[in-house]
Amino acid sequence: MARKKTKNAAEAPGFDTGSPVEPSAHWSALREGDRVSVRLAPGFETGGRVSAVTPDRTVVWVDLDGGRGRTLLHCSDGVEILPA
């Protein structure tokens, strides 16, 4: 029986290790507890509250309104997080 070879993340297609990621300028102002509007895709926007931010501001956790849970957003995800 053949075994499936698993590639590590650096070998996976589409994974770019050569360029550092930078958050949008307004991500640097986000603080825990801030009310925000999250634009996940054109025409899809939801509100929430920032529950955590990494020190480098590249990752933000948001508790979404309406009991929709907590979501992790990375600056390279293509989402917008704006003050509400």
PDB file of N, CA and C in Angstrom:
ATOM      1  N   MET A   1       0.836  -1.175   0.000  1.00  0.00           N
ATOM      2  CA  MET A   1       0.000   0.000   0.000  1.00  0.00           C
ATOM      3  C   MET A   1       0.887   1.246   0.000  1.00  0.00           C
ATOM      4  N   ALA A   2       0.606   2.163  -0.891  1.00  0.00           N
ATOM      5  CA  ALA A   2       1.396   3.390  -0.992  1.00  0.00           C
ATOM      6  C   ALA A   2       1.040   4.338   0.135  1.00  0.00           C
ATOM      7  N   ARG A   3       2.039   5.027   0.611  1.00  0.00           N
ATOM      8  CA  ARG A   3       1.811   6.030   1.653  1.00  0.00           C
ATOM      9  C   ARG A   3       1.717   7.394   1.000  1.00  0.00           C
ATOM     10  N   LYS A   4       0.860   8.201   1.542  1.00  0.00           N
ATOM     11  CA  LYS A   4       0.686   9.557   1.043  1.00  0.00           C
ATOM     12  C   LYS A   4       1.773  10.437   1.648  1.00  0.00           C
ATOM     13  N   LYS A   5       2.547  11.079   0.801  1.00  0.00           N
ATOM     14  CA  LYS A   5       3.600  11.954   1.286  1.00  0.00           C
ATOM     15  C   LYS A   5       3.001  13.312   1.641  1.00  0.00           C
ATOM     16  N   THR A   6       3.291  13.757   2.825  1.00  0.00           N
ATOM     17  CA  THR A   6       2.808  15.053   3.273  1.00  0.00           C
ATOM     18  C   THR A   6       3.906  16.078   3.089  1.00  0.00           C
ATOM     19  N   LYS A   7       3.582  17.149   2.409  1.00  0.00           N
ATOM     20  CA  LYS A   7       4.551  18.237   2.235  1.00  0.00           C
ATOM     21  C   LYS A   7       4.516  19.129   3.458  1.00  0.00           C
ATOM     22  N   ASN A   8       5.663  19.682   3.797  1.00  0.00           N
ATOM     23  CA  ASN A   8       5.622  20.657   4.870  1.00  0.00           C
ATOM     24  C   ASN A   8       5.114  21.980   4.289  1.00  0.00           C
ATOM     25  N   ALA A   9       4.770  22.906   5.140  1.00  0.00           N
ATOM     26  CA  ALA A   9       4.129  24.146   4.698  1.00  0.00           C
ATOM     27  C   ALA A   9       4.984  24.928   3.704  1.00  0.00           C
ATOM     28  N   ALA A  10       6.288  24.897   3.874  1.00  0.00           N
ATOM     29  CA  ALA A  10       7.160  25.656   2.978  1.00  0.00           C
ATOM     30  C   ALA A  10       7.178  25.082   1.565  1.00  0.00           C
ATOM     31  N   GLU A  11       6.847  23.790   1.413  1.00  0.00           N
ATOM     32  CA  GLU A  11       6.826  23.164   0.099  1.00  0.00           C
ATOM     33  C   GLU A  11       5.445  23.213  -0.551  1.00  0.00           C
ATOM     34  N   ALA A  12       4.446  23.578   0.219  1.00  0.00           N
ATOM     35  CA  ALA A  12       3.072  23.583  -0.302  1.00  0.00           C
ATOM     36  C   ALA A  12       2.907  24.654  -1.373  1.00  0.00           C
ATOM     37  N   PRO A  13       2.110  24.369  -2.397  1.00  0.00           N
ATOM     38  CA  PRO A  13       1.900  25.371  -3.444  1.00  0.00           C
ATOM     39  C   PRO A  13       1.271  26.632  -2.872  1.00  0.00           C
ATOM     40  N   GLY A  14       1.729  27.776  -3.337  1.00  0.00           N
ATOM     41  CA  GLY A  14       1.142  29.050  -2.912  1.00  0.00           C
ATOM     42  C   GLY A  14       1.695  29.599  -1.621  1.00  0.00           C
ATOM     43  N   PHE A  15       2.597  28.873  -0.976  1.00  0.00           N
ATOM     44  CA  PHE A  15       3.154  29.358   0.284  1.00  0.00           C
ATOM     45  C   PHE A  15       4.392  30.177  -0.013  1.00  0.00           C
ATOM     46  N   ASP A  16       4.385  31.431   0.360  1.00  0.00           N
ATOM     47  CA  ASP A  16       5.487  32.342   0.067  1.00  0.00           C
ATOM     48  C   ASP A  16       6.243  32.647   1.349  1.00  0.00           C
ATOM     49  N   THR A  17       7.460  32.179   1.453  1.00  0.00           N
ATOM     50  CA  THR A  17       8.264  32.443   2.652  1.00  0.00           C
ATOM     51  C   THR A  17       9.213  33.621   2.455  1.00  0.00           C
ATOM     52  N   GLY A  18       9.237  34.193   1.255  1.00  0.00           N
ATOM     53  CA  GLY A  18      10.211  35.228   0.956  1.00  0.00           C
ATOM     54  C   GLY A  18       9.810  36.640   1.314  1.00  0.00           C
ATOM     55  N   SER A  19       8.543  36.914   1.482  1.00  0.00           N
ATOM     56  CA  SER A  19       8.143  38.287   1.752  1.00  0.00           C
ATOM     57  C   SER A  19       7.412  38.384   3.088  1.00  0.00           C
ATOM     58  N   PRO A  20       7.846  39.305   3.946  1.00  0.00           N
ATOM     59  CA  PRO A  20       7.175  39.473   5.233  1.00  0.00           C
ATOM     60  C   PRO A  20       5.796  40.090   5.033  1.00  0.00           C
ATOM     61  N   VAL A  21       4.881  39.762   5.913  1.00  0.00           N
ATOM     62  CA  VAL A  21       3.537  40.329   5.831  1.00  0.00           C
ATOM     63  C   VAL A  21       3.468  41.578   6.688  1.00  0.00           C
ATOM     64  N   GLU A  22       2.720  42.528   6.218  1.00  0.00           N
ATOM     65  CA  GLU A  22       2.544  43.790   6.935  1.00  0.00           C
ATOM     66  C   GLU A  22       1.064  44.075   7.076  1.00  0.00           C
ATOM     67  N   PRO A  23       0.591  44.365   8.287  1.00  0.00           N
ATOM     68  CA  PRO A  23      -0.817  44.707   8.457  1.00  0.00           C
ATOM     69  C   PRO A  23      -1.117  46.096   7.907  1.00  0.00           C
ATOM     70  N   SER A  24      -2.384  46.339   7.598  1.00  0.00           N
ATOM     71  CA  SER A  24      -2.794  47.678   7.172  1.00  0.00           C
ATOM     72  C   SER A  24      -2.495  48.658   8.295  1.00  0.00           C
ATOM     73  N   ALA A  25      -2.299  49.897   7.938  1.00  0.00           N
ATOM     74  CA  ALA A  25      -1.915  50.917   8.929  1.00  0.00           C
ATOM     75  C   ALA A  25      -2.918  51.014  10.078  1.00  0.00           C
ATOM     76  N   HIS A  26      -4.212  50.905   9.781  1.00  0.00           N
ATOM     77  CA  HIS A  26      -5.213  51.059  10.842  1.00  0.00           C
ATOM     78  C   HIS A  26      -5.252  49.861  11.802  1.00  0.00           C
ATOM     79  N   TRP A  27      -4.644  48.721  11.416  1.00  0.00           N
ATOM     80  CA  TRP A  27      -4.587  47.592  12.344  1.00  0.00           C
ATOM     81  C   TRP A  27      -3.726  47.935  13.562  1.00  0.00           C
ATOM     82  N   SER A  28      -2.768  48.833  13.409  1.00  0.00           N
ATOM     83  CA  SER A  28      -1.887  49.181  14.525  1.00  0.00           C
ATOM     84  C   SER A  28      -2.626  49.906  15.641  1.00  0.00           C
ATOM     85  N   ALA A  29      -3.784  50.482  15.331  1.00  0.00           N
ATOM     86  CA  ALA A  29      -4.563  51.196  16.338  1.00  0.00           C
ATOM     87  C   ALA A  29      -5.553  50.293  17.069  1.00  0.00           C
ATOM     88  N   LEU A  30      -5.724  49.053  16.629  1.00  0.00           N
ATOM     89  CA  LEU A  30      -6.700  48.156  17.245  1.00  0.00           C
ATOM     90  C   LEU A  30      -6.251  47.731  18.638  1.00  0.00           C
ATOM     91  N   ARG A  31      -7.199  47.759  19.561  1.00  0.00           N
ATOM     92  CA  ARG A  31      -6.933  47.362  20.945  1.00  0.00           C
ATOM     93  C   ARG A  31      -8.011  46.386  21.399  1.00  0.00           C
ATOM     94  N   GLU A  32      -7.682  45.570  22.356  1.00  0.00           N
ATOM     95  CA  GLU A  32      -8.646  44.643  22.932  1.00  0.00           C
ATOM     96  C   GLU A  32      -9.854  45.415  23.451  1.00  0.00           C
ATOM     97  N   GLY A  33     -11.054  44.954  23.094  1.00  0.00           N
ATOM     98  CA  GLY A  33     -12.289  45.605  23.530  1.00  0.00           C
ATOM     99  C   GLY A  33     -12.868  46.578  22.517  1.00  0.00           C
ATOM    100  N   ASP A  34     -12.115  46.943  21.486  1.00  0.00           N
ATOM    101  CA  ASP A  34     -12.608  47.875  20.462  1.00  0.00           C
ATOM    102  C   ASP A  34     -13.755  47.271  19.669  1.00  0.00           C
ATOM    103  N   ARG A  35     -14.784  48.082  19.384  1.00  0.00           N
ATOM    104  CA  ARG A  35     -15.852  47.678  18.473  1.00  0.00           C
ATOM    105  C   ARG A  35     -15.330  47.863  17.062  1.00  0.00           C
ATOM    106  N   VAL A  36     -15.553  46.865  16.201  1.00  0.00           N
ATOM    107  CA  VAL A  36     -15.053  46.922  14.834  1.00  0.00           C
ATOM    108  C   VAL A  36     -16.106  46.425  13.852  1.00  0.00           C
ATOM    109  N   SER A  37     -15.891  46.803  12.602  1.00  0.00           N
ATOM    110  CA  SER A  37     -16.652  46.289  11.482  1.00  0.00           C
ATOM    111  C   SER A  37     -15.680  45.458  10.656  1.00  0.00           C
ATOM    112  N   VAL A  38     -16.065  44.227  10.345  1.00  0.00           N
ATOM    113  CA  VAL A  38     -15.193  43.313   9.608  1.00  0.00           C
ATOM    114  C   VAL A  38     -15.792  43.091   8.223  1.00  0.00           C
ATOM    115  N   ARG A  39     -15.027  43.448   7.192  1.00  0.00           N
ATOM    116  CA  ARG A  39     -15.446  43.215   5.817  1.00  0.00           C
ATOM    117  C   ARG A  39     -14.699  41.993   5.312  1.00  0.00           C
ATOM    118  N   LEU A  40     -15.420  40.868   5.269  1.00  0.00           N
ATOM    119  CA  LEU A  40     -14.806  39.593   4.900  1.00  0.00           C
ATOM    120  C   LEU A  40     -14.722  39.415   3.391  1.00  0.00           C
ATOM    121  N   ALA A  41     -15.687  39.936   2.674  1.00  0.00           N
ATOM    122  CA  ALA A  41     -15.749  39.854   1.216  1.00  0.00           C
ATOM    123  C   ALA A  41     -16.634  40.995   0.740  1.00  0.00           C
ATOM    124  N   PRO A  42     -16.549  41.362  -0.535  1.00  0.00           N
ATOM    125  CA  PRO A  42     -17.427  42.426  -1.032  1.00  0.00           C
ATOM    126  C   PRO A  42     -18.899  42.091  -0.747  1.00  0.00           C
ATOM    127  N   GLY A  43     -19.552  43.000  -0.064  1.00  0.00           N
ATOM    128  CA  GLY A  43     -20.962  42.809   0.253  1.00  0.00           C
ATOM    129  C   GLY A  43     -21.229  42.034   1.527  1.00  0.00           C
ATOM    130  N   PHE A  44     -20.198  41.518   2.184  1.00  0.00           N
ATOM    131  CA  PHE A  44     -20.393  40.790   3.438  1.00  0.00           C
ATOM    132  C   PHE A  44     -19.621  41.479   4.544  1.00  0.00           C
ATOM    133  N   GLU A  45     -20.365  42.122   5.416  1.00  0.00           N
ATOM    134  CA  GLU A  45     -19.774  42.874   6.520  1.00  0.00           C
ATOM    135  C   GLU A  45     -20.480  42.477   7.803  1.00  0.00           C
ATOM    136  N   THR A  46     -19.731  42.375   8.872  1.00  0.00           N
ATOM    137  CA  THR A  46     -20.305  42.027  10.163  1.00  0.00           C
ATOM    138  C   THR A  46     -19.601  42.822  11.253  1.00  0.00           C
ATOM    139  N   GLY A  47     -20.238  42.957  12.375  1.00  0.00           N
ATOM    140  CA  GLY A  47     -19.658  43.682  13.497  1.00  0.00           C
ATOM    141  C   GLY A  47     -19.101  42.726  14.525  1.00  0.00           C
ATOM    142  N   GLY A  48     -18.329  43.275  15.431  1.00  0.00           N
ATOM    143  CA  GLY A  48     -17.769  42.469  16.505  1.00  0.00           C
ATOM    144  C   GLY A  48     -16.927  43.298  17.442  1.00  0.00           C
ATOM    145  N   ARG A  49     -16.272  42.595  18.337  1.00  0.00           N
ATOM    146  CA  ARG A  49     -15.401  43.243  19.325  1.00  0.00           C
ATOM    147  C   ARG A  49     -14.057  42.531  19.325  1.00  0.00           C
ATOM    148  N   VAL A  50     -12.984  43.307  19.281  1.00  0.00           N
ATOM    149  CA  VAL A  50     -11.636  42.730  19.306  1.00  0.00           C
ATOM    150  C   VAL A  50     -11.424  42.054  20.659  1.00  0.00           C
ATOM    151  N   SER A  51     -11.040  40.777  20.617  1.00  0.00           N
ATOM    152  CA  SER A  51     -10.781  40.072  21.874  1.00  0.00           C
ATOM    153  C   SER A  51      -9.287  39.880  22.133  1.00  0.00           C
ATOM    154  N   ALA A  52      -8.466  39.941  21.071  1.00  0.00           N
ATOM    155  CA  ALA A  52      -7.017  39.829  21.248  1.00  0.00           C
ATOM    156  C   ALA A  52      -6.308  40.305  19.983  1.00  0.00           C
ATOM    157  N   VAL A  53      -5.103  40.825  20.173  1.00  0.00           N
ATOM    158  CA  VAL A  53      -4.265  41.289  19.067  1.00  0.00           C
ATOM    159  C   VAL A  53      -2.835  40.860  19.376  1.00  0.00           C
ATOM    160  N   THR A  54      -2.140  40.324  18.376  1.00  0.00           N
ATOM    161  CA  THR A  54      -0.744  39.942  18.603  1.00  0.00           C
ATOM    162  C   THR A  54       0.117  41.210  18.679  1.00  0.00           C
ATOM    163  N   PRO A  55       1.257  41.133  19.348  1.00  0.00           N
ATOM    164  CA  PRO A  55       2.118  42.315  19.491  1.00  0.00           C
ATOM    165  C   PRO A  55       2.562  42.928  18.156  1.00  0.00           C
ATOM    166  N   ASP A  56       2.725  42.096  17.117  1.00  0.00           N
ATOM    167  CA  ASP A  56       3.145  42.636  15.822  1.00  0.00           C
ATOM    168  C   ASP A  56       1.966  43.117  14.972  1.00  0.00           C
ATOM    169  N   ARG A  57       0.758  42.974  15.505  1.00  0.00           N
ATOM    170  CA  ARG A  57      -0.477  43.445  14.860  1.00  0.00           C
ATOM    171  C   ARG A  57      -0.806  42.724  13.553  1.00  0.00           C
ATOM    172  N   THR A  58      -0.277  41.537  13.337  1.00  0.00           N
ATOM    173  CA  THR A  58      -0.598  40.796  12.110  1.00  0.00           C
ATOM    174  C   THR A  58      -1.801  39.876  12.292  1.00  0.00           C
ATOM    175  N   VAL A  59      -2.151  39.563  13.546  1.00  0.00           N
ATOM    176  CA  VAL A  59      -3.270  38.666  13.835  1.00  0.00           C
ATOM    177  C   VAL A  59      -4.211  39.329  14.828  1.00  0.00           C
ATOM    178  N   VAL A  60      -5.514  39.264  14.526  1.00  0.00           N
ATOM    179  CA  VAL A  60      -6.538  39.840  15.396  1.00  0.00           C
ATOM    180  C   VAL A  60      -7.633  38.798  15.604  1.00  0.00           C
ATOM    181  N   TRP A  61      -8.022  38.591  16.862  1.00  0.00           N
ATOM    182  CA  TRP A  61      -9.178  37.753  17.181  1.00  0.00           C
ATOM    183  C   TRP A  61     -10.366  38.670  17.376  1.00  0.00           C
ATOM    184  N   VAL A  62     -11.499  38.324  16.760  1.00  0.00           N
ATOM    185  CA  VAL A  62     -12.712  39.137  16.882  1.00  0.00           C
ATOM    186  C   VAL A  62     -13.872  38.246  17.316  1.00  0.00           C
ATOM    187  N   ASP A  63     -14.581  38.670  18.382  1.00  0.00           N
ATOM    188  CA  ASP A  63     -15.830  38.024  18.785  1.00  0.00           C
ATOM    189  C   ASP A  63     -16.926  38.645  17.941  1.00  0.00           C
ATOM    190  N   LEU A  64     -17.511  37.861  17.048  1.00  0.00           N
ATOM    191  CA  LEU A  64     -18.517  38.376  16.129  1.00  0.00           C
ATOM    192  C   LEU A  64     -19.849  38.593  16.826  1.00  0.00           C
ATOM    193  N   ASP A  65     -20.590  39.596  16.380  1.00  0.00           N
ATOM    194  CA  ASP A  65     -21.910  39.900  16.928  1.00  0.00           C
ATOM    195  C   ASP A  65     -22.891  38.771  16.626  1.00  0.00           C
ATOM    196  N   GLY A  66     -23.948  38.732  17.398  1.00  0.00           N
ATOM    197  CA  GLY A  66     -25.025  37.782  17.145  1.00  0.00           C
ATOM    198  C   GLY A  66     -24.703  36.356  17.523  1.00  0.00           C
ATOM    199  N   GLY A  67     -23.711  36.162  18.382  1.00  0.00           N
ATOM    200  CA  GLY A  67     -23.377  34.814  18.816  1.00  0.00           C
ATOM    201  C   GLY A  67     -22.751  33.951  17.732  1.00  0.00           C
ATOM    202  N   ARG A  68     -22.124  34.592  16.743  1.00  0.00           N
ATOM    203  CA  ARG A  68     -21.529  33.840  15.633  1.00  0.00           C
ATOM    204  C   ARG A  68     -20.122  33.347  15.918  1.00  0.00           C
ATOM    205  N   GLY A  69     -19.680  33.495  17.145  1.00  0.00           N
ATOM    206  CA  GLY A  69     -18.394  32.933  17.530  1.00  0.00           C
ATOM    207  C   GLY A  69     -17.230  33.895  17.427  1.00  0.00           C
ATOM    208  N   ARG A  70     -16.068  33.335  17.646  1.00  0.00           N
ATOM    209  CA  ARG A  70     -14.808  34.084  17.626  1.00  0.00           C
ATOM    210  C   ARG A  70     -14.041  33.666  16.388  1.00  0.00           C
ATOM    211  N   THR A  71     -13.457  34.633  15.697  1.00  0.00           N
ATOM    212  CA  THR A  71     -12.713  34.314  14.483  1.00  0.00           C
ATOM    213  C   THR A  71     -11.328  34.935  14.527  1.00  0.00           C
ATOM    214  N   LEU A  72     -10.360  34.221  13.970  1.00  0.00           N
ATOM    215  CA  LEU A  72      -8.998  34.706  13.873  1.00  0.00           C
ATOM    216  C   LEU A  72      -8.809  35.287  12.478  1.00  0.00           C
ATOM    217  N   LEU A  73      -8.295  36.501  12.411  1.00  0.00           N
ATOM    218  CA  LEU A  73      -8.058  37.172  11.135  1.00  0.00           C
ATOM    219  C   LEU A  73      -6.587  37.528  11.031  1.00  0.00           C
ATOM    220  N   HIS A  74      -5.985  37.176   9.913  1.00  0.00           N
ATOM    221  CA  HIS A  74      -4.584  37.481   9.660  1.00  0.00           C
ATOM    222  C   HIS A  74      -4.525  38.587   8.612  1.00  0.00           C
ATOM    223  N   CYS A  75      -3.511  39.417   8.689  1.00  0.00           N
ATOM    224  CA  CYS A  75      -3.419  40.560   7.779  1.00  0.00           C
ATOM    225  C   CYS A  75      -3.310  40.152   6.316  1.00  0.00           C
ATOM    226  N   SER A  76      -2.912  38.922   6.037  1.00  0.00           N
ATOM    227  CA  SER A  76      -2.819  38.470   4.650  1.00  0.00           C
ATOM    228  C   SER A  76      -4.101  37.796   4.161  1.00  0.00           C
ATOM    229  N   ASP A  77      -5.146  37.773   4.994  1.00  0.00           N
ATOM    230  CA  ASP A  77      -6.411  37.132   4.622  1.00  0.00           C
ATOM    231  C   ASP A  77      -7.236  37.949   3.642  1.00  0.00           C
ATOM    232  N   GLY A  78      -6.897  39.215   3.436  1.00  0.00           N
ATOM    233  CA  GLY A  78      -7.661  40.047   2.531  1.00  0.00           C
ATOM    234  C   GLY A  78      -8.923  40.619   3.137  1.00  0.00           C
ATOM    235  N   VAL A  79      -8.994  40.676   4.461  1.00  0.00           N
ATOM    236  CA  VAL A  79     -10.151  41.244   5.136  1.00  0.00           C
ATOM    237  C   VAL A  79      -9.817  42.657   5.607  1.00  0.00           C
ATOM    238  N   GLU A  80     -10.868  43.448   5.809  1.00  0.00           N
ATOM    239  CA  GLU A  80     -10.700  44.781   6.386  1.00  0.00           C
ATOM    240  C   GLU A  80     -11.292  44.782   7.777  1.00  0.00           C
ATOM    241  N   ILE A  81     -10.593  45.352   8.719  1.00  0.00           N
ATOM    242  CA  ILE A  81     -11.103  45.538  10.074  1.00  0.00           C
ATOM    243  C   ILE A  81     -11.067  47.029  10.339  1.00  0.00           C
ATOM    244  N   LEU A  82     -12.255  47.620  10.480  1.00  0.00           N
ATOM    245  CA  LEU A  82     -12.358  49.064  10.651  1.00  0.00           C
ATOM    246  C   LEU A  82     -13.036  49.390  11.971  1.00  0.00           C
ATOM    247  N   PRO A  83     -12.659  50.492  12.607  1.00  0.00           N
ATOM    248  CA  PRO A  83     -13.358  50.903  13.827  1.00  0.00           C
ATOM    249  C   PRO A  83     -14.845  51.107  13.542  1.00  0.00           C
ATOM    250  N   ALA A  84     -15.686  50.660  14.460  1.00  0.00           N
ATOM    251  CA  ALA A  84     -17.131  50.806  14.271  1.00  0.00           C
ATOM    252  C   ALA A  84     -17.621  52.086  14.912  1.00  0.00           C
TER     253      ALA A  84
END
